[in-house]
Amino acid sequence: MQAQKFTYSLATLNDAAKALWAIGEEISVWSFVGEMGAGKTTLIAALCEHVGVQDAISSPTYALVNEYHLGGHGQKNIIYHADWYRLKDAKEARNAGMEEILYQHNAYAFIEWASNAIELLQKTFLKIEIEVVNEEDRVMTISVV
């Protein structure tokens, strides 16, 4: 897949989530890239809402991973939302159990700051890069790696 770009704002966030889901639904591991405050967690929350997650969605910065439940999406009924910002490297990520969430057949893994342990992403994953244009607007570049 060739990289695709979308411009969105808070007002069109739900449309952006819907388009992103249509592109990546078949891919289990998603990497969210962007500077601090770019809106990674906000986009993940919109994705979760789009697919009907009823759990409270929050940043897993201190917990490292949150688990959300969804239904009606084939074999996958869990979304693991991980934030690897505080992890130093792949060894620390493995020790924290992050490798276990990556390739479960019944789950998606949405990972913020995956670059801190990128070696763990050993098979195809969706990369979502979020660029801040201004206070309201973002450009999302989606590619399969």
Foldseek 3Di string as FASTA:
>chain_A
DDKDKDKDFPVCLLVVLVVVCVVPVVFQEEEEAEDVPLCLQVSVVSNCVNQPWPDDGDDCPPVQWDWTAGDDSPQATIEIEGECPVPQEQVSCVVSVVLVQPDDPRYHYYYYPCVNYVVSVPDKYKYWYWDDPDPTMIMIIIDID
